[in-house]
Amino acid sequence: MKIINHFEVPYYQYLNEESQINEGTPSRAIEIPSLIKLYRLMVLVRAIDTKAIALQRTGKLGTYPSTRGQEAVFVGVGYAMQKEDIFVPYYRDMGTLIQRGVKPSQVLQYWGGDERGNVYDNEDFPYSVPIGSQILHAAGAAFAVKYKKEHKAVLSLFGEGATSQGDFYEAMNVSGVWKLPIVFVVCNNQWAISVSREAQTAAESIAQKAIAAGFSGEQVDGNDIVAIVERTKVALQNAREDYKPHLIEMVCYRQHDHTTADDASRYEPKSQRDLEWKKEPVMRLRRYLESQKAWSEKEEKQLEEECRVTVDETVQEYVNIKPQPLTDMFDYLYAELPEAYQEQRNMVIEMEKALHG
């Protein structure tokens, strides 16, 4: 009798922990101009992320979810997408969003409590803070794409905690049955708030969960932006051209608390973060570029200054945004305001006049 293990999934790593290119890496994946652009984007995202945490600590921003150590996932996914594709994010997706036309100040605006930061000038979906609910929305969008016979793909991003939700399994199932043009990307940063990946599932990988839905899945080194871009491009192309759904598990590590409202020191092993930091994506790519004589200390200092200026301009743009009228709480809740609420709205108008003169 021949026993076949149906739970094995491929694992892709092109740029290893020693910043060397592994054998079998496609030559198109390591074109220097593209790698420099990816490096610059990751450095910028980390700079904005660091500033956002500081703004929250000083009371100028609400609860904020850091992307520290996970920049390659979000920058890489965004770089792999085509403009006409539809992006369905969760809440750590800044590195993708700023490549989709969202201004960094809009990201701060949203986490500052202003929903207008969640309004985009494209078909992409807004932030989704409820865990996993956006995955079903993505499947619905993919159905619409196929129904209208459009040549585009839908990409949904979420954390591994969302894969414990029923929404995830339902979206995967219907995508397999209907052969939808969708790519599911799991940012497996090992923690769903304080719940470890091992405590969530007995499966050896998140990627193998695609098998039960009738399509393929794979693991990618989430600290390797070269592999992330290449494998996401391949998956998106298959989705667009052949309506093949696919699941990619990006294996990385969360280098910050779940959000600024969390304290990971209460549950995270004390030595784990330092060990995982040795694999982090930004320095990994920088070392490779330096080895190819494509990056220098001079260029690094120039980039740091450019990022500083961009961050300062972003913050100024954010703090200068005119607050939305208090009456928006009524105007965006109902198509036609019920008579019972009209008096309350009028009271709010009078209160605003008193406050602002």
Protein backbone atom coordinates (compact mmCIF):
# COMPACT_ATOMS: atom_id res chain seq x y z
CA MET A 1 0.00 0.00 0.00
CA LYS A 2 1.31 3.46 -0.91
CA ILE A 3 0.55 6.15 1.67
CA ILE A 4 0.39 9.70 0.36
CA ASN A 5 0.67 12.65 2.72
CA HIS A 6 -1.92 15.11 1.44
CA PHE A 7 -1.00 17.70 4.07
CA GLU A 8 2.39 18.67 2.69
CA VAL A 9 2.60 22.17 1.26
CA PRO A 10 5.56 23.86 -0.45
CA TYR A 11 7.66 26.39 1.43
CA TYR A 12 9.31 29.22 -0.48
CA GLN A 13 12.38 31.20 0.54
CA TYR A 14 14.53 33.01 -2.03
CA LEU A 15 16.53 35.45 0.13
CA ASN A 16 17.72 33.55 3.19
CA GLU A 17 18.65 34.69 6.70
CA GLU A 18 22.27 35.22 5.61
CA SER A 19 21.07 37.62 2.87
CA GLN A 20 22.04 35.20 0.15
CA ILE A 21 19.92 34.18 -2.83
CA ASN A 22 18.89 30.54 -2.71
CA GLU A 23 19.31 28.26 -5.70
CA GLY A 24 16.27 28.17 -7.98
CA THR A 25 15.27 31.79 -7.41
CA PRO A 26 13.75 33.25 -10.61
CA SER A 27 16.06 35.89 -12.10
CA ARG A 28 13.13 38.28 -12.57
CA ALA A 29 12.61 38.29 -8.79
CA ILE A 30 16.02 39.81 -8.02
CA GLU A 31 16.22 42.74 -10.40
CA ILE A 32 18.13 45.41 -8.46
CA PRO A 33 15.94 48.46 -9.30
CA SER A 34 12.86 46.66 -7.97
CA LEU A 35 14.68 45.51 -4.83
CA ILE A 36 15.85 49.06 -4.10
CA LYS A 37 12.30 50.33 -4.43
CA LEU A 38 11.06 47.61 -2.08
CA TYR A 39 13.78 48.42 0.45
CA ARG A 40 12.94 52.12 0.40
CA LEU A 41 9.25 51.33 0.93
CA MET A 42 9.96 49.06 3.91
CA VAL A 43 12.16 51.67 5.56
CA LEU A 44 9.49 54.33 5.07
CA VAL A 45 6.76 52.08 6.49
CA ARG A 46 8.88 51.36 9.55
CA ALA A 47 9.52 55.08 10.06
CA ILE A 48 5.82 55.95 9.86
CA ASP A 49 4.99 53.03 12.14
CA THR A 50 7.50 54.22 14.76
CA LYS A 51 6.01 57.72 14.64
CA ALA A 52 2.46 56.40 14.92
CA ILE A 53 3.35 54.57 18.13
CA ALA A 54 4.88 57.78 19.51
CA LEU A 55 1.73 59.73 18.60
CA GLN A 56 -0.41 57.19 20.42
CA ARG A 57 1.80 57.33 23.51
CA THR A 58 1.40 61.12 23.62
CA GLY A 59 -2.37 61.06 23.19
CA LYS A 60 -2.46 62.23 19.58
CA LEU A 61 -3.62 58.91 18.14
CA GLY A 62 -5.97 56.17 19.26
CA THR A 63 -5.16 52.49 19.68
CA TYR A 64 -2.73 51.54 16.91
CA PRO A 65 -1.58 48.13 15.53
CA SER A 66 2.13 48.14 14.73
CA THR A 67 3.61 46.46 11.63
CA ARG A 68 7.15 46.29 13.04
CA GLY A 69 8.97 43.21 11.75
CA GLN A 70 6.18 42.44 9.29
CA GLU A 71 6.93 45.13 6.71
CA ALA A 72 7.89 42.64 4.00
CA VAL A 73 4.45 41.02 4.03
CA PHE A 74 2.48 44.22 3.46
CA VAL A 75 4.95 45.98 1.17
CA GLY A 76 5.51 42.81 -0.85
CA VAL A 77 1.83 42.07 -1.33
CA GLY A 78 1.12 45.63 -2.41
CA TYR A 79 4.00 45.59 -4.87
CA ALA A 80 2.75 42.35 -6.45
CA MET A 81 -0.77 43.62 -7.10
CA GLN A 82 -1.94 45.28 -10.28
CA LYS A 83 -3.84 48.54 -10.13
CA GLU A 84 -7.13 46.98 -11.27
CA ASP A 85 -7.02 44.23 -8.61
CA ILE A 86 -9.24 44.60 -5.55
CA PHE A 87 -7.62 44.71 -2.12
CA VAL A 88 -9.53 43.67 1.01
CA PRO A 89 -7.41 44.58 4.07
CA TYR A 90 -7.62 43.95 7.78
CA TYR A 91 -5.83 46.51 10.00
CA ARG A 92 -2.03 46.20 9.67
CA ASP A 93 -1.96 46.88 5.94
CA MET A 94 -0.27 50.30 5.77
CA GLY A 95 2.55 48.98 3.56
CA THR A 96 -0.01 47.80 1.01
CA LEU A 97 -2.38 50.74 1.26
CA ILE A 98 0.20 53.44 0.56
CA GLN A 99 1.00 51.64 -2.71
CA ARG A 100 -2.72 51.63 -3.55
CA GLY A 101 -3.00 55.41 -3.42
CA VAL A 102 -3.81 55.90 0.28
CA LYS A 103 -1.90 58.78 1.86
CA PRO A 104 -0.01 58.01 5.10
CA SER A 105 -1.92 60.87 6.73
CA GLN A 106 -5.15 58.99 5.97
CA VAL A 107 -3.79 56.01 7.90
CA LEU A 108 -3.15 58.27 10.90
CA GLN A 109 -6.54 59.91 10.39
CA TYR A 110 -8.32 56.58 10.69
CA TRP A 111 -6.43 55.52 13.82
CA GLY A 112 -7.06 59.00 15.19
CA GLY A 113 -10.77 58.14 15.20
CA ASP A 114 -11.82 59.80 11.95
CA GLU A 115 -13.58 57.38 9.58
CA ARG A 116 -12.88 59.67 6.65
CA GLY A 117 -9.41 58.16 6.62
CA ASN A 118 -11.10 54.93 5.57
CA VAL A 119 -12.49 56.32 2.30
CA TYR A 120 -10.46 55.48 -0.82
CA ASP A 121 -10.66 56.55 -4.45
CA ASN A 122 -10.66 53.01 -5.84
CA GLU A 123 -12.48 49.68 -5.53
CA ASP A 124 -10.47 48.57 -2.49
CA PHE A 125 -12.34 47.81 0.69
CA PRO A 126 -11.89 49.79 3.93
CA TYR A 127 -10.12 48.63 7.07
CA SER A 128 -11.80 45.73 8.86
CA VAL A 129 -11.18 45.56 12.59
CA PRO A 130 -13.66 42.70 13.34
CA ILE A 131 -11.55 39.57 13.00
CA GLY A 132 -12.12 37.64 9.77
CA SER A 133 -15.33 39.27 8.60
CA GLN A 134 -13.65 40.86 5.57
CA ILE A 135 -12.68 37.45 4.15
CA LEU A 136 -16.29 36.73 3.23
CA HIS A 137 -16.58 40.21 1.72
CA ALA A 138 -13.57 39.37 -0.44
CA ALA A 139 -15.21 36.17 -1.65
CA GLY A 140 -18.29 38.18 -2.60
CA ALA A 141 -16.15 40.66 -4.54
CA ALA A 142 -14.41 37.77 -6.31
CA PHE A 143 -17.78 36.32 -7.29
CA ALA A 144 -18.73 39.70 -8.79
CA VAL A 145 -15.46 39.82 -10.74
CA LYS A 146 -16.10 36.37 -12.21
CA TYR A 147 -19.77 37.10 -12.91
CA LYS A 148 -18.83 40.24 -14.84
CA LYS A 149 -15.97 38.39 -16.58
CA GLU A 150 -13.42 40.99 -15.53
CA HIS A 151 -9.69 40.37 -15.81
CA LYS A 152 -8.71 41.13 -12.25
CA ALA A 153 -8.12 39.36 -8.94
CA VAL A 154 -9.17 39.92 -5.34
CA LEU A 155 -6.61 39.70 -2.56
CA SER A 156 -7.64 39.46 1.08
CA LEU A 157 -5.13 39.92 3.90
CA PHE A 158 -5.65 38.73 7.48
CA GLY A 159 -3.80 37.36 10.49
CA GLU A 160 -3.58 33.72 11.47
CA GLY A 161 -6.05 34.40 14.28
CA ALA A 162 -8.73 34.95 11.62
CA THR A 163 -8.22 31.39 10.37
CA SER A 164 -9.91 30.18 13.57
CA GLN A 165 -13.07 32.03 12.56
CA GLY A 166 -15.97 30.42 10.73
CA ASP A 167 -15.89 33.28 8.19
CA PHE A 168 -12.50 32.04 6.99
CA TYR A 169 -13.68 28.49 6.36
CA GLU A 170 -16.89 29.62 4.70
CA ALA A 171 -15.04 31.99 2.36
CA MET A 172 -12.49 29.30 1.49
CA ASN A 173 -15.20 26.73 0.85
CA VAL A 174 -17.28 28.90 -1.46
CA SER A 175 -14.16 30.07 -3.32
CA GLY A 176 -13.20 26.48 -4.02
CA VAL A 177 -16.71 25.46 -5.08
CA TRP A 178 -17.23 28.45 -7.36
CA LYS A 179 -13.60 28.68 -8.57
CA LEU A 180 -13.25 32.34 -7.64
CA PRO A 181 -10.37 34.65 -8.67
CA ILE A 182 -9.14 35.25 -5.13
CA VAL A 183 -5.87 35.02 -3.22
CA PHE A 184 -6.02 34.58 0.56
CA VAL A 185 -2.90 35.89 2.32
CA VAL A 186 -2.34 34.99 5.96
CA CYS A 187 0.13 37.12 7.89
CA ASN A 188 1.11 34.43 10.38
CA ASN A 189 2.94 36.53 12.98
CA GLN A 190 2.55 33.71 15.56
CA TRP A 191 0.19 35.58 17.91
CA ALA A 192 -3.55 36.31 17.86
CA ILE A 193 -3.32 38.93 20.59
CA SER A 194 -2.12 36.68 23.44
CA VAL A 195 -3.04 33.33 21.87
CA SER A 196 -0.13 31.53 20.25
CA ARG A 197 -0.41 29.86 16.88
CA GLU A 198 0.10 26.44 18.52
CA ALA A 199 -2.86 27.05 20.84
CA GLN A 200 -5.14 27.91 17.92
CA THR A 201 -4.84 24.88 15.67
CA ALA A 202 -3.40 21.37 15.63
CA ALA A 203 -2.66 21.69 11.91
CA GLU A 204 1.02 21.61 11.01
CA SER A 205 0.50 24.67 8.84
CA ILE A 206 -2.17 27.23 8.07
CA ALA A 207 -1.50 26.74 4.35
CA GLN A 208 -2.71 23.13 4.36
CA LYS A 209 -6.20 24.30 5.27
CA ALA A 210 -6.66 25.16 1.59
CA ILE A 211 -6.65 21.47 0.74
CA ALA A 212 -10.04 20.87 2.39
CA ALA A 213 -11.45 23.75 0.29
CA GLY A 214 -10.29 22.09 -2.92
CA PHE A 215 -7.41 24.33 -3.96
CA SER A 216 -3.71 24.82 -3.29
CA GLY A 217 -1.85 26.51 -0.47
CA GLU A 218 1.77 27.33 0.27
CA GLN A 219 4.04 28.78 2.93
CA VAL A 220 6.38 31.69 2.25
CA ASP A 221 9.14 33.10 4.45
CA GLY A 222 7.43 36.28 5.63
CA ASN A 223 10.79 37.97 6.22
CA ASP A 224 11.83 37.41 2.60
CA ILE A 225 10.33 40.15 0.46
CA VAL A 226 11.79 38.60 -2.70
CA ALA A 227 9.76 35.41 -2.26
CA ILE A 228 6.69 37.34 -1.08
CA VAL A 229 6.53 39.46 -4.23
CA GLU A 230 7.23 36.59 -6.62
CA ARG A 231 4.83 34.06 -5.09
CA THR A 232 2.05 36.63 -4.71
CA LYS A 233 2.46 37.65 -8.35
CA VAL A 234 2.14 34.04 -9.46
CA ALA A 235 -0.96 33.46 -7.34
CA LEU A 236 -2.63 36.65 -8.58
CA GLN A 237 -1.88 35.79 -12.21
CA ASN A 238 -3.45 32.34 -11.81
CA ALA A 239 -6.48 33.93 -10.17
CA ARG A 240 -6.93 36.46 -12.98
CA GLU A 241 -6.36 34.11 -15.89
CA ASP A 242 -7.74 30.78 -14.68
CA TYR A 243 -10.01 31.62 -11.73
CA LYS A 244 -7.82 29.63 -9.38
CA PRO A 245 -8.16 30.52 -5.69
CA HIS A 246 -5.01 30.15 -3.62
CA LEU A 247 -3.86 30.47 0.00
CA ILE A 248 -0.45 31.89 0.96
CA GLU A 249 0.75 31.67 4.56
CA MET A 250 3.42 34.30 5.24
CA VAL A 251 5.45 33.04 8.20
CA CYS A 252 6.90 35.93 10.22
CA TYR A 253 6.95 37.26 13.79
CA ARG A 254 5.21 40.17 15.50
CA GLN A 255 7.90 42.53 16.81
CA HIS A 256 5.53 44.64 18.90
CA ASP A 257 2.52 44.24 21.14
CA HIS A 258 -0.68 43.26 19.33
CA THR A 259 -1.71 46.91 19.54
CA THR A 260 -0.69 49.83 21.71
CA ALA A 261 -3.43 48.69 24.11
CA ASP A 262 -1.66 45.35 24.68
CA ASP A 263 1.30 44.24 26.81
CA ALA A 264 2.96 41.26 25.14
CA SER A 265 5.50 40.89 27.96
CA ARG A 266 2.75 39.20 29.98
CA TYR A 267 2.61 36.19 27.64
CA GLU A 268 5.46 36.29 25.11
CA PRO A 269 8.60 34.21 25.88
CA LYS A 270 11.28 36.70 26.87
CA SER A 271 13.96 35.52 24.44
CA GLN A 272 11.76 34.79 21.43
CA ARG A 273 11.50 38.28 20.01
CA ASP A 274 15.27 38.80 20.01
CA LEU A 275 15.80 35.47 18.26
CA GLU A 276 13.22 36.27 15.60
CA TRP A 277 14.62 39.78 15.09
CA LYS A 278 17.72 38.21 13.54
CA LYS A 279 15.48 37.23 10.60
CA GLU A 280 13.77 40.62 10.18
CA PRO A 281 13.20 41.72 6.56
CA VAL A 282 14.63 45.24 6.31
CA MET A 283 18.23 44.51 7.26
CA ARG A 284 18.10 41.20 5.38
CA LEU A 285 17.43 43.01 2.11
CA ARG A 286 19.86 45.83 2.89
CA ARG A 287 22.72 43.40 3.40
CA TYR A 288 21.98 41.78 0.04
CA LEU A 289 21.91 45.13 -1.75
CA GLU A 290 25.20 46.09 -0.13
CA SER A 291 26.74 42.79 -1.22
CA GLN A 292 25.73 43.63 -4.80
CA LYS A 293 27.27 47.14 -4.51
CA ALA A 294 23.75 48.52 -5.04
CA TRP A 295 23.46 50.32 -1.69
CA SER A 296 25.81 52.29 0.50
CA GLU A 297 25.95 54.10 3.83
CA LYS A 298 25.64 57.41 1.97
CA GLU A 299 22.40 56.29 0.33
CA GLU A 300 21.15 55.00 3.65
CA LYS A 301 21.62 58.39 5.31
CA GLN A 302 19.89 60.10 2.41
CA LEU A 303 16.96 57.70 2.75
CA GLU A 304 16.75 58.32 6.49
CA GLU A 305 16.52 62.06 5.87
CA GLU A 306 13.87 61.60 3.16
CA CYS A 307 11.82 59.43 5.51
CA ARG A 308 12.16 61.99 8.30
CA VAL A 309 10.83 64.72 6.04
CA THR A 310 7.98 62.52 4.81
CA VAL A 311 7.02 61.55 8.35
CA ASP A 312 7.06 65.19 9.51
CA GLU A 313 4.91 66.25 6.55
CA THR A 314 2.54 63.34 7.19
CA VAL A 315 2.08 64.31 10.83
CA GLN A 316 1.49 67.96 9.97
CA GLU A 317 -1.06 66.98 7.37
CA TYR A 318 -2.79 64.75 9.92
CA VAL A 319 -2.96 67.28 12.75
CA ASN A 320 -4.22 69.99 10.38
CA ILE A 321 -7.19 67.96 9.15
CA LYS A 322 -10.36 69.85 10.00
CA PRO A 323 -12.51 67.83 12.45
CA GLN A 324 -15.66 66.36 11.00
CA PRO A 325 -18.95 67.97 12.09
CA LEU A 326 -20.62 66.32 15.09
CA THR A 327 -23.79 66.05 13.01
CA ASP A 328 -22.05 63.38 10.92
CA MET A 329 -23.09 60.88 13.60
CA PHE A 330 -26.63 61.38 12.36
CA ASP A 331 -26.09 62.13 8.70
CA TYR A 332 -24.12 58.95 7.94
CA LEU A 333 -26.32 56.66 10.00
CA TYR A 334 -29.63 57.13 8.17
CA ALA A 335 -30.58 57.77 4.53
CA GLU A 336 -33.44 59.85 5.89
CA LEU A 337 -33.19 61.02 9.47
CA PRO A 338 -36.17 59.84 11.56
CA GLU A 339 -38.19 62.64 13.09
CA ALA A 340 -37.38 61.36 16.58
CA TYR A 341 -33.69 62.17 16.01
CA GLN A 342 -34.14 65.54 14.34
CA GLU A 343 -34.42 67.35 17.66
CA GLN A 344 -31.24 65.72 18.91
CA ARG A 345 -29.42 66.76 15.71
CA ASN A 346 -30.56 70.34 16.23
CA MET A 347 -29.22 70.23 19.79
CA VAL A 348 -25.84 69.07 18.45
CA ILE A 349 -25.79 72.00 15.99
CA GLU A 350 -26.40 74.44 18.84
CA MET A 351 -23.67 72.76 20.90
CA GLU A 352 -21.18 73.11 18.03
CA LYS A 353 -22.03 76.78 17.68
CA ALA A 354 -21.40 77.26 21.38
CA LEU A 355 -18.08 75.43 21.20
CA HIS A 356 -16.71 77.05 18.04
CA GLY A 357 -18.53 80.36 18.00
